[in-house]
Structures are given as structure tokens and as C-alpha cells.
Amino acid sequence: MSQETEKQILETLREIREGQREALEIMASHRALVEEQIQLSRKSVEESVSLQRVALHRQKAVTLIAVPGILACIAAIAYLVLRYF
């Protein structure tokens, strides 16, 4: 191999190495972004689950109050229908 060819090969290898370094830096920044998005997603899911639990507790409370009231209204209507018809 001539010295000119060796210089070209070395220059090409340096360019490849520099390209790989840039690719690694880009990948590292992407990874950091993905990790941040995962953390935000987990936080969002936790908040959603918490809100769903609150909604279930409220639904139970409303059910405990509403069902007896509805049954009482149905019974009163049935009583009035049977008494006057």
C-alpha cells in the first residue's frame, strides 16, 4: 500500500469514528427524551388511577343514597296507583 492510500484509509476511518460518535450522542439524547416521556406517562397513569378510585367511591356513595330513594318513590307510586285505580 502506498502512503497516499494509507492516509485515505485513515481519514475514512476517522470520519466513520466521528459519525459513530455523533450517532451515539443523538441516541443518548433520544434515550433521555424517552425516559422523560416514560416518567410523564407513569405519572399520568397514576393520576388517572387515583381519579378512578375517587370516582368509584363517589359512585358508591351516590348509589347508597339514590337506590333507596328510587325504591321509595316506586313504592309510593305503586301505592297511589293501587289505591286510586
C-alpha atoms as a PDB file:
ATOM      1  CA  MET A   1       0.000   0.000   0.000  1.00  0.00           C
ATOM      2  CA  SER A   2       1.190   3.428  -0.762  1.00  0.00           C
ATOM      3  CA  GLN A   3       1.348   6.174   1.798  1.00  0.00           C
ATOM      4  CA  GLU A   4      -1.395   8.070  -0.049  1.00  0.00           C
ATOM      5  CA  THR A   5      -3.753   5.111   0.201  1.00  0.00           C
ATOM      6  CA  GLU A   6      -2.986   4.678   3.902  1.00  0.00           C
ATOM      7  CA  LYS A   7      -3.776   8.346   4.523  1.00  0.00           C
ATOM      8  CA  GLN A   8      -7.099   7.995   2.718  1.00  0.00           C
ATOM      9  CA  ILE A   9      -7.959   4.880   4.712  1.00  0.00           C
ATOM     10  CA  LEU A  10      -7.053   6.620   7.986  1.00  0.00           C
ATOM     11  CA  GLU A  11      -9.124   9.674   7.025  1.00  0.00           C
ATOM     12  CA  THR A  12     -12.062   7.466   6.125  1.00  0.00           C
ATOM     13  CA  LEU A  13     -11.772   5.597   9.433  1.00  0.00           C
ATOM     14  CA  ARG A  14     -11.656   8.890  11.333  1.00  0.00           C
ATOM     15  CA  GLU A  15     -14.788  10.075   9.518  1.00  0.00           C
ATOM     16  CA  ILE A  16     -16.523   6.803  10.360  1.00  0.00           C
ATOM     17  CA  ARG A  17     -15.490   7.124  14.017  1.00  0.00           C
ATOM     18  CA  GLU A  18     -16.738  10.730  14.134  1.00  0.00           C
ATOM     19  CA  GLY A  19     -20.027   9.663  12.553  1.00  0.00           C
ATOM     20  CA  GLN A  20     -20.393   6.932  15.154  1.00  0.00           C
ATOM     21  CA  ARG A  21     -19.730   9.402  17.965  1.00  0.00           C
ATOM     22  CA  GLU A  22     -22.385  11.746  16.602  1.00  0.00           C
ATOM     23  CA  ALA A  23     -24.819   8.830  16.294  1.00  0.00           C
ATOM     24  CA  LEU A  24     -24.125   7.810  19.899  1.00  0.00           C
ATOM     25  CA  GLU A  25     -24.718  11.366  21.105  1.00  0.00           C
ATOM     26  CA  ILE A  26     -28.006  11.515  19.222  1.00  0.00           C
ATOM     27  CA  MET A  27     -29.034   8.138  20.617  1.00  0.00           C
ATOM     28  CA  ALA A  28     -28.182   9.281  24.149  1.00  0.00           C
ATOM     29  CA  SER A  29     -30.331  12.387  23.774  1.00  0.00           C
ATOM     30  CA  HIS A  30     -33.179  10.275  22.368  1.00  0.00           C
ATOM     31  CA  ARG A  31     -32.880   7.881  25.261  1.00  0.00           C
ATOM     32  CA  ALA A  32     -33.079  10.750  27.760  1.00  0.00           C
ATOM     33  CA  LEU A  33     -36.171  12.052  25.990  1.00  0.00           C
ATOM     34  CA  VAL A  34     -37.798   8.615  26.015  1.00  0.00           C
ATOM     35  CA  GLU A  35     -37.059   8.174  29.727  1.00  0.00           C
ATOM     36  CA  GLU A  36     -38.613  11.562  30.448  1.00  0.00           C
ATOM     37  CA  GLN A  37     -41.693  10.657  28.427  1.00  0.00           C
ATOM     38  CA  ILE A  38     -41.993   7.337  30.270  1.00  0.00           C
ATOM     39  CA  GLN A  39     -41.867   9.149  33.610  1.00  0.00           C
ATOM     40  CA  LEU A  40     -44.571  11.567  32.466  1.00  0.00           C
ATOM     41  CA  SER A  41     -46.657   8.666  31.220  1.00  0.00           C
ATOM     42  CA  ARG A  42     -46.335   6.825  34.538  1.00  0.00           C
ATOM     43  CA  LYS A  43     -47.306   9.966  36.424  1.00  0.00           C
ATOM     44  CA  SER A  44     -50.322  10.417  34.168  1.00  0.00           C
ATOM     45  CA  VAL A  45     -51.392   6.798  34.652  1.00  0.00           C
ATOM     46  CA  GLU A  46     -51.041   7.102  38.441  1.00  0.00           C
ATOM     47  CA  GLU A  47     -53.166  10.257  38.414  1.00  0.00           C
ATOM     48  CA  SER A  48     -55.760   8.549  36.231  1.00  0.00           C
ATOM     49  CA  VAL A  49     -55.960   5.552  38.566  1.00  0.00           C
ATOM     50  CA  SER A  50     -56.294   7.874  41.542  1.00  0.00           C
ATOM     51  CA  LEU A  51     -59.142   9.768  39.890  1.00  0.00           C
ATOM     52  CA  GLN A  52     -60.863   6.499  39.016  1.00  0.00           C
ATOM     53  CA  ARG A  53     -60.689   5.417  42.654  1.00  0.00           C
ATOM     54  CA  VAL A  54     -62.228   8.716  43.747  1.00  0.00           C
ATOM     55  CA  ALA A  55     -64.967   8.285  41.138  1.00  0.00           C
ATOM     56  CA  LEU A  56     -65.728   4.765  42.395  1.00  0.00           C
ATOM     57  CA  HIS A  57     -66.009   5.984  45.994  1.00  0.00           C
ATOM     58  CA  ARG A  58     -68.364   8.752  44.901  1.00  0.00           C
ATOM     59  CA  GLN A  59     -70.400   6.312  42.840  1.00  0.00           C
ATOM     60  CA  LYS A  60     -70.797   4.038  45.863  1.00  0.00           C
ATOM     61  CA  ALA A  61     -71.921   6.968  47.998  1.00  0.00           C
ATOM     62  CA  VAL A  62     -74.470   8.092  45.410  1.00  0.00           C
ATOM     63  CA  THR A  63     -75.714   4.535  44.978  1.00  0.00           C
ATOM     64  CA  LEU A  64     -76.231   4.134  48.709  1.00  0.00           C
ATOM     65  CA  ILE A  65     -78.359   7.298  48.738  1.00  0.00           C
ATOM     66  CA  ALA A  66     -80.090   7.078  45.344  1.00  0.00           C
ATOM     67  CA  VAL A  67     -81.209   3.432  45.281  1.00  0.00           C
ATOM     68  CA  PRO A  68     -83.252   3.598  48.480  1.00  0.00           C
ATOM     69  CA  GLY A  69     -84.761   6.913  47.308  1.00  0.00           C
ATOM     70  CA  ILE A  70     -85.728   5.448  43.944  1.00  0.00           C
ATOM     71  CA  LEU A  71     -87.218   2.381  45.608  1.00  0.00           C
ATOM     72  CA  ALA A  72     -89.209   4.599  47.962  1.00  0.00           C
ATOM     73  CA  CYS A  73     -90.560   6.612  45.009  1.00  0.00           C
ATOM     74  CA  ILE A  74     -91.530   3.435  43.132  1.00  0.00           C
ATOM     75  CA  ALA A  75     -93.267   2.121  46.244  1.00  0.00           C
ATOM     76  CA  ALA A  76     -95.134   5.428  46.694  1.00  0.00           C
ATOM     77  CA  ILE A  77     -96.241   5.442  43.045  1.00  0.00           C
ATOM     78  CA  ALA A  78     -97.351   1.802  43.286  1.00  0.00           C
ATOM     79  CA  TYR A  79     -99.288   2.624  46.456  1.00  0.00           C
ATOM     80  CA  LEU A  80    -101.017   5.585  44.785  1.00  0.00           C
ATOM     81  CA  VAL A  81    -101.833   3.553  41.643  1.00  0.00           C
ATOM     82  CA  LEU A  82    -103.291   0.697  43.657  1.00  0.00           C
ATOM     83  CA  ARG A  83    -105.247   2.995  45.970  1.00  0.00           C
ATOM     84  CA  TYR A  84    -106.873   5.235  43.370  1.00  0.00           C
ATOM     85  CA  PHE A  85    -107.360   2.857  40.434  1.00  0.00           C
END
